[in-house]
Amino acid sequence: MHELSIVQSIIEIATREAENASARQVERIELEIGTLSGIEMNSFWFAWQHARQGSVLEHCEADISQPGGQATCLLCNQQYPIAHYTEPCPNCGSHFIDITQGKELRVKSITIS
């Protein structure tokens, strides 16, 4: 379950930022986790509930946006939504594509006190 290591990394980032600001806790964290990032959200939420106990994120509200997948065909330049990496271009059928959105995994903002 790599979701636990991802949550632990988020906790490390938030802890470092809270320490840099001499804050005691994180009130809110805004995350962006794309639908093609490979994160299983039920596992993420399970890890989130348990791993943050005793940390600066213990009482933190998490706001998560999940951008959907977008791709651009490298042969015909068609841009289109994509749900899986294996989907071909709907215009020409090519599998030579560039995933332009949906792989995100980032901390967008942290509100501390």
PDB file of N, CA and C in Angstrom:
ATOM      1  N   MET A   1       0.847  -1.172   0.000  1.00  0.00           N
ATOM      2  CA  MET A   1       0.000   0.000   0.000  1.00  0.00           C
ATOM      3  C   MET A   1       0.898   1.243   0.000  1.00  0.00           C
ATOM      4  N   HIS A   2       1.152   1.801  -1.170  1.00  0.00           N
ATOM      5  CA  HIS A   2       2.009   2.977  -1.256  1.00  0.00           C
ATOM      6  C   HIS A   2       1.305   4.245  -0.789  1.00  0.00           C
ATOM      7  N   GLU A   3      -0.003   4.180  -0.576  1.00  0.00           N
ATOM      8  CA  GLU A   3      -0.737   5.335  -0.071  1.00  0.00           C
ATOM      9  C   GLU A   3      -0.226   5.759   1.299  1.00  0.00           C
ATOM     10  N   LEU A   4       0.169   4.811   2.123  1.00  0.00           N
ATOM     11  CA  LEU A   4       0.706   5.142   3.443  1.00  0.00           C
ATOM     12  C   LEU A   4       1.984   5.964   3.316  1.00  0.00           C
ATOM     13  N   SER A   5       2.884   5.575   2.426  1.00  0.00           N
ATOM     14  CA  SER A   5       4.128   6.348   2.265  1.00  0.00           C
ATOM     15  C   SER A   5       3.836   7.734   1.689  1.00  0.00           C
ATOM     16  N   ILE A   6       2.823   7.849   0.877  1.00  0.00           N
ATOM     17  CA  ILE A   6       2.442   9.162   0.349  1.00  0.00           C
ATOM     18  C   ILE A   6       1.907  10.040   1.471  1.00  0.00           C
ATOM     19  N   VAL A   7       1.043   9.491   2.300  1.00  0.00           N
ATOM     20  CA  VAL A   7       0.514  10.239   3.450  1.00  0.00           C
ATOM     21  C   VAL A   7       1.653  10.641   4.374  1.00  0.00           C
ATOM     22  N   GLN A   8       2.602   9.750   4.610  1.00  0.00           N
ATOM     23  CA  GLN A   8       3.743  10.077   5.477  1.00  0.00           C
ATOM     24  C   GLN A   8       4.564  11.221   4.878  1.00  0.00           C
ATOM     25  N   SER A   9       4.709  11.237   3.569  1.00  0.00           N
ATOM     26  CA  SER A   9       5.431  12.337   2.913  1.00  0.00           C
ATOM     27  C   SER A   9       4.677  13.649   3.065  1.00  0.00           C
ATOM     28  N   ILE A  10       3.358  13.612   2.944  1.00  0.00           N
ATOM     29  CA  ILE A  10       2.546  14.810   3.135  1.00  0.00           C
ATOM     30  C   ILE A  10       2.705  15.317   4.564  1.00  0.00           C
ATOM     31  N   ILE A  11       2.709  14.413   5.523  1.00  0.00           N
ATOM     32  CA  ILE A  11       2.897  14.789   6.927  1.00  0.00           C
ATOM     33  C   ILE A  11       4.268  15.433   7.120  1.00  0.00           C
ATOM     34  N   GLU A  12       5.296  14.882   6.504  1.00  0.00           N
ATOM     35  CA  GLU A  12       6.646  15.460   6.604  1.00  0.00           C
ATOM     36  C   GLU A  12       6.688  16.867   6.033  1.00  0.00           C
ATOM     37  N   ILE A  13       6.059  17.071   4.876  1.00  0.00           N
ATOM     38  CA  ILE A  13       6.029  18.398   4.249  1.00  0.00           C
ATOM     39  C   ILE A  13       5.312  19.388   5.164  1.00  0.00           C
ATOM     40  N   ALA A  14       4.143  19.007   5.663  1.00  0.00           N
ATOM     41  CA  ALA A  14       3.364  19.895   6.522  1.00  0.00           C
ATOM     42  C   ALA A  14       4.088  20.179   7.834  1.00  0.00           C
ATOM     43  N   THR A  15       4.732  19.181   8.400  1.00  0.00           N
ATOM     44  CA  THR A  15       5.478  19.362   9.648  1.00  0.00           C
ATOM     45  C   THR A  15       6.629  20.331   9.441  1.00  0.00           C
ATOM     46  N   ARG A  16       7.351  20.179   8.372  1.00  0.00           N
ATOM     47  CA  ARG A  16       8.479  21.074   8.060  1.00  0.00           C
ATOM     48  C   ARG A  16       7.982  22.520   7.897  1.00  0.00           C
ATOM     49  N   GLU A  17       6.881  22.698   7.173  1.00  0.00           N
ATOM     50  CA  GLU A  17       6.347  24.048   6.968  1.00  0.00           C
ATOM     51  C   GLU A  17       5.829  24.649   8.276  1.00  0.00           C
ATOM     52  N   ALA A  18       5.181  23.841   9.104  1.00  0.00           N
ATOM     53  CA  ALA A  18       4.696  24.327  10.401  1.00  0.00           C
ATOM     54  C   ALA A  18       5.873  24.732  11.287  1.00  0.00           C
ATOM     55  N   GLU A  19       6.920  23.924  11.308  1.00  0.00           N
ATOM     56  CA  GLU A  19       8.105  24.251  12.111  1.00  0.00           C
ATOM     57  C   GLU A  19       8.757  25.535  11.615  1.00  0.00           C
ATOM     58  N   ASN A  20       8.857  25.702  10.295  1.00  0.00           N
ATOM     59  CA  ASN A  20       9.458  26.916   9.724  1.00  0.00           C
ATOM     60  C   ASN A  20       8.674  28.171  10.108  1.00  0.00           C
ATOM     61  N   ALA A  21       7.377  28.016  10.321  1.00  0.00           N
ATOM     62  CA  ALA A  21       6.529  29.154  10.681  1.00  0.00           C
ATOM     63  C   ALA A  21       6.257  29.226  12.181  1.00  0.00           C
ATOM     64  N   SER A  22       6.926  28.385  12.957  1.00  0.00           N
ATOM     65  CA  SER A  22       6.727  28.304  14.408  1.00  0.00           C
ATOM     66  C   SER A  22       5.258  28.077  14.772  1.00  0.00           C
ATOM     67  N   ALA A  23       4.595  27.246  13.999  1.00  0.00           N
ATOM     68  CA  ALA A  23       3.191  26.919  14.237  1.00  0.00           C
ATOM     69  C   ALA A  23       3.084  25.585  14.964  1.00  0.00           C
ATOM     70  N   ARG A  24       1.971  25.393  15.648  1.00  0.00           N
ATOM     71  CA  ARG A  24       1.767  24.163  16.400  1.00  0.00           C
ATOM     72  C   ARG A  24       0.932  23.134  15.664  1.00  0.00           C
ATOM     73  N   GLN A  25       0.078  23.613  14.757  1.00  0.00           N
ATOM     74  CA  GLN A  25      -0.768  22.664  14.053  1.00  0.00           C
ATOM     75  C   GLN A  25      -1.139  23.173  12.669  1.00  0.00           C
ATOM     76  N   VAL A  26      -1.541  22.243  11.836  1.00  0.00           N
ATOM     77  CA  VAL A  26      -2.048  22.553  10.507  1.00  0.00           C
ATOM     78  C   VAL A  26      -3.560  22.449  10.587  1.00  0.00           C
ATOM     79  N   GLU A  27      -4.232  23.530  10.237  1.00  0.00           N
ATOM     80  CA  GLU A  27      -5.694  23.547  10.295  1.00  0.00           C
ATOM     81  C   GLU A  27      -6.329  22.973   9.029  1.00  0.00           C
ATOM     82  N   ARG A  28      -5.686  23.253   7.891  1.00  0.00           N
ATOM     83  CA  ARG A  28      -6.260  22.836   6.610  1.00  0.00           C
ATOM     84  C   ARG A  28      -5.125  22.581   5.622  1.00  0.00           C
ATOM     85  N   ILE A  29      -5.317  21.568   4.817  1.00  0.00           N
ATOM     86  CA  ILE A  29      -4.345  21.283   3.764  1.00  0.00           C
ATOM     87  C   ILE A  29      -5.116  21.033   2.474  1.00  0.00           C
ATOM     88  N   GLU A  30      -4.627  21.626   1.406  1.00  0.00           N
ATOM     89  CA  GLU A  30      -5.253  21.453   0.106  1.00  0.00           C
ATOM     90  C   GLU A  30      -4.322  20.601  -0.761  1.00  0.00           C
ATOM     91  N   LEU A  31      -4.858  19.485  -1.230  1.00  0.00           N
ATOM     92  CA  LEU A  31      -4.081  18.540  -2.034  1.00  0.00           C
ATOM     93  C   LEU A  31      -4.700  18.408  -3.421  1.00  0.00           C
ATOM     94  N   GLU A  32      -3.859  18.078  -4.376  1.00  0.00           N
ATOM     95  CA  GLU A  32      -4.316  17.777  -5.728  1.00  0.00           C
ATOM     96  C   GLU A  32      -3.821  16.369  -6.064  1.00  0.00           C
ATOM     97  N   ILE A  33      -4.764  15.462  -6.273  1.00  0.00           N
ATOM     98  CA  ILE A  33      -4.438  14.066  -6.564  1.00  0.00           C
ATOM     99  C   ILE A  33      -5.184  13.670  -7.831  1.00  0.00           C
ATOM    100  N   GLY A  34      -4.486  13.621  -8.947  1.00  0.00           N
ATOM    101  CA  GLY A  34      -5.105  13.316 -10.231  1.00  0.00           C
ATOM    102  C   GLY A  34      -5.651  11.898 -10.302  1.00  0.00           C
ATOM    103  N   THR A  35      -6.649  11.728 -11.154  1.00  0.00           N
ATOM    104  CA  THR A  35      -7.282  10.420 -11.291  1.00  0.00           C
ATOM    105  C   THR A  35      -6.360   9.382 -11.928  1.00  0.00           C
ATOM    106  N   LEU A  36      -5.285   9.819 -12.577  1.00  0.00           N
ATOM    107  CA  LEU A  36      -4.311   8.896 -13.176  1.00  0.00           C
ATOM    108  C   LEU A  36      -3.040   8.778 -12.332  1.00  0.00           C
ATOM    109  N   SER A  37      -3.068   9.278 -11.098  1.00  0.00           N
ATOM    110  CA  SER A  37      -1.869   9.283 -10.250  1.00  0.00           C
ATOM    111  C   SER A  37      -1.534   7.916  -9.672  1.00  0.00           C
ATOM    112  N   GLY A  38      -2.469   6.979  -9.752  1.00  0.00           N
ATOM    113  CA  GLY A  38      -2.239   5.652  -9.187  1.00  0.00           C
ATOM    114  C   GLY A  38      -2.604   5.558  -7.719  1.00  0.00           C
ATOM    115  N   ILE A  39      -3.182   6.610  -7.163  1.00  0.00           N
ATOM    116  CA  ILE A  39      -3.579   6.614  -5.760  1.00  0.00           C
ATOM    117  C   ILE A  39      -4.982   6.021  -5.652  1.00  0.00           C
ATOM    118  N   GLU A  40      -5.131   5.017  -4.824  1.00  0.00           N
ATOM    119  CA  GLU A  40      -6.445   4.433  -4.539  1.00  0.00           C
ATOM    120  C   GLU A  40      -6.996   5.233  -3.365  1.00  0.00           C
ATOM    121  N   MET A  41      -8.059   6.003  -3.621  1.00  0.00           N
ATOM    122  CA  MET A  41      -8.521   6.981  -2.641  1.00  0.00           C
ATOM    123  C   MET A  41      -9.053   6.356  -1.347  1.00  0.00           C
ATOM    124  N   ASN A  42      -9.687   5.202  -1.403  1.00  0.00           N
ATOM    125  CA  ASN A  42     -10.126   4.566  -0.148  1.00  0.00           C
ATOM    126  C   ASN A  42      -8.934   4.210   0.718  1.00  0.00           C
ATOM    127  N   SER A  43      -7.879   3.705   0.117  1.00  0.00           N
ATOM    128  CA  SER A  43      -6.652   3.393   0.863  1.00  0.00           C
ATOM    129  C   SER A  43      -5.988   4.665   1.375  1.00  0.00           C
ATOM    130  N   PHE A  44      -6.015   5.713   0.553  1.00  0.00           N
ATOM    131  CA  PHE A  44      -5.444   6.993   0.969  1.00  0.00           C
ATOM    132  C   PHE A  44      -6.157   7.507   2.223  1.00  0.00           C
ATOM    133  N   TRP A  45      -7.513   7.511   2.195  1.00  0.00           N
ATOM    134  CA  TRP A  45      -8.266   8.022   3.338  1.00  0.00           C
ATOM    135  C   TRP A  45      -8.033   7.172   4.586  1.00  0.00           C
ATOM    136  N   PHE A  46      -7.918   5.865   4.421  1.00  0.00           N
ATOM    137  CA  PHE A  46      -7.632   4.995   5.564  1.00  0.00           C
ATOM    138  C   PHE A  46      -6.273   5.363   6.165  1.00  0.00           C
ATOM    139  N   ALA A  47      -5.258   5.481   5.312  1.00  0.00           N
ATOM    140  CA  ALA A  47      -3.917   5.852   5.785  1.00  0.00           C
ATOM    141  C   ALA A  47      -3.932   7.248   6.404  1.00  0.00           C
ATOM    142  N   TRP A  48      -4.660   8.171   5.785  1.00  0.00           N
ATOM    143  CA  TRP A  48      -4.751   9.549   6.280  1.00  0.00           C
ATOM    144  C   TRP A  48      -5.311   9.586   7.705  1.00  0.00           C
ATOM    145  N   GLN A  49      -6.381   8.852   7.965  1.00  0.00           N
ATOM    146  CA  GLN A  49      -7.010   8.850   9.284  1.00  0.00           C
ATOM    147  C   GLN A  49      -6.083   8.322  10.369  1.00  0.00           C
ATOM    148  N   HIS A  50      -5.259   7.356  10.032  1.00  0.00           N
ATOM    149  CA  HIS A  50      -4.409   6.727  11.046  1.00  0.00           C
ATOM    150  C   HIS A  50      -3.028   7.363  11.166  1.00  0.00           C
ATOM    151  N   ALA A  51      -2.404   7.708  10.065  1.00  0.00           N
ATOM    152  CA  ALA A  51      -1.021   8.191  10.105  1.00  0.00           C
ATOM    153  C   ALA A  51      -0.898   9.589  10.690  1.00  0.00           C
ATOM    154  N   ARG A  52      -1.914  10.399  10.590  1.00  0.00           N
ATOM    155  CA  ARG A  52      -1.802  11.782  11.070  1.00  0.00           C
ATOM    156  C   ARG A  52      -2.029  11.924  12.574  1.00  0.00           C
ATOM    157  N   GLN A  53      -2.443  10.852  13.240  1.00  0.00           N
ATOM    158  CA  GLN A  53      -2.650  10.910  14.690  1.00  0.00           C
ATOM    159  C   GLN A  53      -1.335  11.238  15.387  1.00  0.00           C
ATOM    160  N   GLY A  54      -1.389  12.211  16.269  1.00  0.00           N
ATOM    161  CA  GLY A  54      -0.195  12.619  17.005  1.00  0.00           C
ATOM    162  C   GLY A  54       0.718  13.553  16.224  1.00  0.00           C
ATOM    163  N   SER A  55       0.318  13.947  15.024  1.00  0.00           N
ATOM    164  CA  SER A  55       1.130  14.856  14.216  1.00  0.00           C
ATOM    165  C   SER A  55       0.493  16.243  14.181  1.00  0.00           C
ATOM    166  N   VAL A  56       1.145  17.183  13.532  1.00  0.00           N
ATOM    167  CA  VAL A  56       0.591  18.531  13.387  1.00  0.00           C
ATOM    168  C   VAL A  56      -0.681  18.520  12.535  1.00  0.00           C
ATOM    169  N   LEU A  57      -0.944  17.413  11.869  1.00  0.00           N
ATOM    170  CA  LEU A  57      -2.133  17.276  11.030  1.00  0.00           C
ATOM    171  C   LEU A  57      -3.282  16.544  11.727  1.00  0.00           C
ATOM    172  N   GLU A  58      -3.146  16.279  13.004  1.00  0.00           N
ATOM    173  CA  GLU A  58      -4.138  15.442  13.689  1.00  0.00           C
ATOM    174  C   GLU A  58      -5.564  15.974  13.551  1.00  0.00           C
ATOM    175  N   HIS A  59      -5.744  17.288  13.622  1.00  0.00           N
ATOM    176  CA  HIS A  59      -7.092  17.872  13.540  1.00  0.00           C
ATOM    177  C   HIS A  59      -7.284  18.643  12.233  1.00  0.00           C
ATOM    178  N   CYS A  60      -6.511  18.310  11.260  1.00  0.00           N
ATOM    179  CA  CYS A  60      -6.497  19.022   9.988  1.00  0.00           C
ATOM    180  C   CYS A  60      -7.676  18.618   9.097  1.00  0.00           C
ATOM    181  N   GLU A  61      -8.220  19.616   8.414  1.00  0.00           N
ATOM    182  CA  GLU A  61      -9.236  19.375   7.391  1.00  0.00           C
ATOM    183  C   GLU A  61      -8.507  19.238   6.053  1.00  0.00           C
ATOM    184  N   ALA A  62      -8.809  18.181   5.325  1.00  0.00           N
ATOM    185  CA  ALA A  62      -8.175  17.959   4.024  1.00  0.00           C
ATOM    186  C   ALA A  62      -9.154  18.291   2.911  1.00  0.00           C
ATOM    187  N   ASP A  63      -8.702  19.111   1.984  1.00  0.00           N
ATOM    188  CA  ASP A  63      -9.488  19.461   0.806  1.00  0.00           C
ATOM    189  C   ASP A  63      -8.738  18.894  -0.398  1.00  0.00           C
ATOM    190  N   ILE A  64      -9.341  17.917  -1.051  1.00  0.00           N
ATOM    191  CA  ILE A  64      -8.654  17.229  -2.147  1.00  0.00           C
ATOM    192  C   ILE A  64      -9.403  17.438  -3.448  1.00  0.00           C
ATOM    193  N   SER A  65      -8.686  17.962  -4.443  1.00  0.00           N
ATOM    194  CA  SER A  65      -9.248  18.038  -5.794  1.00  0.00           C
ATOM    195  C   SER A  65      -8.643  16.891  -6.605  1.00  0.00           C
ATOM    196  N   GLN A  66      -9.428  16.348  -7.524  1.00  0.00           N
ATOM    197  CA  GLN A  66      -8.987  15.216  -8.329  1.00  0.00           C
ATOM    198  C   GLN A  66      -9.178  15.525  -9.816  1.00  0.00           C
ATOM    199  N   PRO A  67      -8.186  16.201 -10.424  1.00  0.00           N
ATOM    200  CA  PRO A  67      -8.316  16.499 -11.844  1.00  0.00           C
ATOM    201  C   PRO A  67      -8.373  15.216 -12.672  1.00  0.00           C
ATOM    202  N   GLY A  68      -9.263  15.214 -13.649  1.00  0.00           N
ATOM    203  CA  GLY A  68      -9.395  14.072 -14.539  1.00  0.00           C
ATOM    204  C   GLY A  68      -8.272  14.024 -15.556  1.00  0.00           C
ATOM    205  N   GLY A  69      -8.139  12.891 -16.200  1.00  0.00           N
ATOM    206  CA  GLY A  69      -7.083  12.708 -17.187  1.00  0.00           C
ATOM    207  C   GLY A  69      -7.357  13.439 -18.491  1.00  0.00           C
ATOM    208  N   GLN A  70      -6.310  13.989 -19.044  1.00  0.00           N
ATOM    209  CA  GLN A  70      -6.345  14.631 -20.363  1.00  0.00           C
ATOM    210  C   GLN A  70      -5.111  14.168 -21.121  1.00  0.00           C
ATOM    211  N   ALA A  71      -5.271  13.977 -22.410  1.00  0.00           N
ATOM    212  CA  ALA A  71      -4.140  13.538 -23.231  1.00  0.00           C
ATOM    213  C   ALA A  71      -4.118  14.325 -24.538  1.00  0.00           C
ATOM    214  N   THR A  72      -2.941  14.352 -25.147  1.00  0.00           N
ATOM    215  CA  THR A  72      -2.768  14.913 -26.479  1.00  0.00           C
ATOM    216  C   THR A  72      -2.106  13.843 -27.334  1.00  0.00           C
ATOM    217  N   CYS A  73      -2.702  13.563 -28.476  1.00  0.00           N
ATOM    218  CA  CYS A  73      -2.124  12.591 -29.404  1.00  0.00           C
ATOM    219  C   CYS A  73      -0.871  13.192 -30.030  1.00  0.00           C
ATOM    220  N   LEU A  74       0.203  12.424 -30.056  1.00  0.00           N
ATOM    221  CA  LEU A  74       1.463  12.907 -30.621  1.00  0.00           C
ATOM    222  C   LEU A  74       1.504  12.798 -32.144  1.00  0.00           C
ATOM    223  N   LEU A  75       0.521  12.107 -32.737  1.00  0.00           N
ATOM    224  CA  LEU A  75       0.477  11.999 -34.200  1.00  0.00           C
ATOM    225  C   LEU A  75      -0.451  13.032 -34.832  1.00  0.00           C
ATOM    226  N   CYS A  76      -1.660  13.185 -34.273  1.00  0.00           N
ATOM    227  CA  CYS A  76      -2.626  14.096 -34.907  1.00  0.00           C
ATOM    228  C   CYS A  76      -2.921  15.341 -34.073  1.00  0.00           C
ATOM    229  N   ASN A  77      -2.309  15.437 -32.888  1.00  0.00           N
ATOM    230  CA  ASN A  77      -2.440  16.595 -31.995  1.00  0.00           C
ATOM    231  C   ASN A  77      -3.840  16.754 -31.394  1.00  0.00           C
ATOM    232  N   GLN A  78      -4.662  15.720 -31.446  1.00  0.00           N
ATOM    233  CA  GLN A  78      -5.997  15.748 -30.849  1.00  0.00           C
ATOM    234  C   GLN A  78      -5.870  15.766 -29.324  1.00  0.00           C
ATOM    235  N   GLN A  79      -6.594  16.657 -28.662  1.00  0.00           N
ATOM    236  CA  GLN A  79      -6.653  16.683 -27.202  1.00  0.00           C
ATOM    237  C   GLN A  79      -7.974  16.057 -26.789  1.00  0.00           C
ATOM    238  N   TYR A  80      -7.926  15.201 -25.737  1.00  0.00           N
ATOM    239  CA  TYR A  80      -9.136  14.494 -25.332  1.00  0.00           C
ATOM    240  C   TYR A  80      -9.020  14.000 -23.892  1.00  0.00           C
ATOM    241  N   PRO A  81     -10.188  13.778 -23.262  1.00  0.00           N
ATOM    242  CA  PRO A  81     -10.169  13.221 -21.904  1.00  0.00           C
ATOM    243  C   PRO A  81      -9.795  11.747 -21.944  1.00  0.00           C
ATOM    244  N   ILE A  82      -9.123  11.303 -20.884  1.00  0.00           N
ATOM    245  CA  ILE A  82      -8.668   9.915 -20.825  1.00  0.00           C
ATOM    246  C   ILE A  82      -8.880   9.385 -19.405  1.00  0.00           C
ATOM    247  N   ALA A  83      -9.362   8.155 -19.319  1.00  0.00           N
ATOM    248  CA  ALA A  83      -9.585   7.536 -18.005  1.00  0.00           C
ATOM    249  C   ALA A  83      -8.514   6.509 -17.668  1.00  0.00           C
ATOM    250  N   HIS A  84      -7.825   5.985 -18.690  1.00  0.00           N
ATOM    251  CA  HIS A  84      -6.781   4.971 -18.496  1.00  0.00           C
ATOM    252  C   HIS A  84      -5.626   5.247 -19.458  1.00  0.00           C
ATOM    253  N   TYR A  85      -4.439   4.883 -19.038  1.00  0.00           N
ATOM    254  CA  TYR A  85      -3.246   5.095 -19.853  1.00  0.00           C
ATOM    255  C   TYR A  85      -3.299   4.359 -21.193  1.00  0.00           C
ATOM    256  N   THR A  86      -4.062   3.299 -21.262  1.00  0.00           N
ATOM    257  CA  THR A  86      -4.077   2.461 -22.460  1.00  0.00           C
ATOM    258  C   THR A  86      -5.065   2.931 -23.525  1.00  0.00           C
ATOM    259  N   GLU A  87      -5.811   3.981 -23.267  1.00  0.00           N
ATOM    260  CA  GLU A  87      -6.798   4.455 -24.229  1.00  0.00           C
ATOM    261  C   GLU A  87      -6.114   5.088 -25.438  1.00  0.00           C
ATOM    262  N   PRO A  88      -6.495   4.656 -26.637  1.00  0.00           N
ATOM    263  CA  PRO A  88      -5.923   5.265 -27.841  1.00  0.00           C
ATOM    264  C   PRO A  88      -6.605   6.593 -28.166  1.00  0.00           C
ATOM    265  N   CYS A  89      -6.022   7.335 -29.050  1.00  0.00           N
ATOM    266  CA  CYS A  89      -6.606   8.578 -29.531  1.00  0.00           C
ATOM    267  C   CYS A  89      -7.939   8.270 -30.215  1.00  0.00           C
ATOM    268  N   PRO A  90      -9.001   8.975 -29.852  1.00  0.00           N
ATOM    269  CA  PRO A  90     -10.293   8.717 -30.486  1.00  0.00           C
ATOM    270  C   PRO A  90     -10.351   9.194 -31.936  1.00  0.00           C
ATOM    271  N   ASN A  91      -9.414  10.032 -32.325  1.00  0.00           N
ATOM    272  CA  ASN A  91      -9.401  10.574 -33.680  1.00  0.00           C
ATOM    273  C   ASN A  91      -8.681   9.651 -34.670  1.00  0.00           C
ATOM    274  N   CYS A  92      -7.470   9.206 -34.290  1.00  0.00           N
ATOM    275  CA  CYS A  92      -6.675   8.409 -35.237  1.00  0.00           C
ATOM    276  C   CYS A  92      -6.337   7.006 -34.733  1.00  0.00           C
ATOM    277  N   GLY A  93      -6.646   6.713 -33.463  1.00  0.00           N
ATOM    278  CA  GLY A  93      -6.390   5.386 -32.913  1.00  0.00           C
ATOM    279  C   GLY A  93      -4.970   5.159 -32.425  1.00  0.00           C
ATOM    280  N   SER A  94      -4.134   6.166 -32.471  1.00  0.00           N
ATOM    281  CA  SER A  94      -2.741   6.030 -32.053  1.00  0.00           C
ATOM    282  C   SER A  94      -2.637   5.867 -30.533  1.00  0.00           C
ATOM    283  N   HIS A  95      -1.628   5.117 -30.132  1.00  0.00           N
ATOM    284  CA  HIS A  95      -1.326   4.974 -28.708  1.00  0.00           C
ATOM    285  C   HIS A  95      -0.143   5.865 -28.315  1.00  0.00           C
ATOM    286  N   PHE A  96       0.361   6.655 -29.249  1.00  0.00           N
ATOM    287  CA  PHE A  96       1.445   7.585 -28.963  1.00  0.00           C
ATOM    288  C   PHE A  96       0.826   8.874 -28.437  1.00  0.00           C
ATOM    289  N   ILE A  97       0.683   8.949 -27.114  1.00  0.00           N
ATOM    290  CA  ILE A  97       0.005  10.084 -26.507  1.00  0.00           C
ATOM    291  C   ILE A  97       0.858  10.687 -25.400  1.00  0.00           C
ATOM    292  N   ASP A  98       0.544  11.934 -25.092  1.00  0.00           N
ATOM    293  CA  ASP A  98       1.172  12.637 -23.977  1.00  0.00           C
ATOM    294  C   ASP A  98       0.076  12.913 -22.954  1.00  0.00           C
ATOM    295  N   ILE A  99       0.226  12.395 -21.754  1.00  0.00           N
ATOM    296  CA  ILE A  99      -0.738  12.649 -20.683  1.00  0.00           C
ATOM    297  C   ILE A  99      -0.441  14.051 -20.158  1.00  0.00           C
ATOM    298  N   THR A 100      -1.384  14.966 -20.321  1.00  0.00           N
ATOM    299  CA  THR A 100      -1.161  16.363 -19.938  1.00  0.00           C
ATOM    300  C   THR A 100      -1.823  16.739 -18.620  1.00  0.00           C
ATOM    301  N   GLN A 101      -2.717  15.894 -18.117  1.00  0.00           N
ATOM    302  CA  GLN A 101      -3.382  16.172 -16.845  1.00  0.00           C
ATOM    303  C   GLN A 101      -3.869  14.861 -16.250  1.00  0.00           C
ATOM    304  N   GLY A 102      -3.890  14.815 -14.916  1.00  0.00           N
ATOM    305  CA  GLY A 102      -4.418  13.650 -14.223  1.00  0.00           C
ATOM    306  C   GLY A 102      -3.386  12.879 -13.431  1.00  0.00           C
ATOM    307  N   LYS A 103      -2.089  13.195 -13.621  1.00  0.00           N
ATOM    308  CA  LYS A 103      -1.038  12.501 -12.876  1.00  0.00           C
ATOM    309  C   LYS A 103      -0.587  13.291 -11.647  1.00  0.00           C
ATOM    310  N   GLU A 104      -1.237  14.419 -11.380  1.00  0.00           N
ATOM    311  CA  GLU A 104      -0.822  15.314 -10.302  1.00  0.00           C
ATOM    312  C   GLU A 104      -0.847  14.628  -8.937  1.00  0.00           C
ATOM    313  N   LEU A 105       0.096  15.008  -8.122  1.00  0.00           N
ATOM    314  CA  LEU A 105       0.149  14.618  -6.711  1.00  0.00           C
ATOM    315  C   LEU A 105       0.943  15.713  -6.013  1.00  0.00           C
ATOM    316  N   ARG A 106       0.214  16.698  -5.478  1.00  0.00           N
ATOM    317  CA  ARG A 106       0.918  17.840  -4.886  1.00  0.00           C
ATOM    318  C   ARG A 106       0.149  18.436  -3.722  1.00  0.00           C
ATOM    319  N   VAL A 107       0.917  19.069  -2.851  1.00  0.00           N
ATOM    320  CA  VAL A 107       0.349  19.878  -1.783  1.00  0.00           C
ATOM    321  C   VAL A 107       0.214  21.277  -2.362  1.00  0.00           C
ATOM    322  N   LYS A 108      -1.041  21.761  -2.462  1.00  0.00           N
ATOM    323  CA  LYS A 108      -1.276  23.084  -3.048  1.00  0.00           C
ATOM    324  C   LYS A 108      -1.181  24.203  -2.018  1.00  0.00           C
ATOM    325  N   SER A 109      -1.706  23.959  -0.806  1.00  0.00           N
ATOM    326  CA  SER A 109      -1.626  24.992   0.238  1.00  0.00           C
ATOM    327  C   SER A 109      -1.771  24.354   1.612  1.00  0.00           C
ATOM    328  N   ILE A 110      -1.236  25.065   2.595  1.00  0.00           N
ATOM    329  CA  ILE A 110      -1.295  24.632   3.992  1.00  0.00           C
ATOM    330  C   ILE A 110      -1.700  25.843   4.825  1.00  0.00           C
ATOM    331  N   THR A 111      -2.729  25.672   5.665  1.00  0.00           N
ATOM    332  CA  THR A 111      -3.144  26.714   6.593  1.00  0.00           C
ATOM    333  C   THR A 111      -2.733  26.273   7.988  1.00  0.00           C
ATOM    334  N   ILE A 112      -1.898  27.097   8.634  1.00  0.00           N
ATOM    335  CA  ILE A 112      -1.342  26.728   9.928  1.00  0.00           C
ATOM    336  C   ILE A 112      -1.760  27.715  11.011  1.00  0.00           C
ATOM    337  N   SER A 113      -1.603  27.292  12.260  1.00  0.00           N
ATOM    338  CA  SER A 113      -1.849  28.209  13.384  1.00  0.00           C
ATOM    339  C   SER A 113      -0.862  27.926  14.499  1.00  0.00           C
TER     340      SER A 113
END
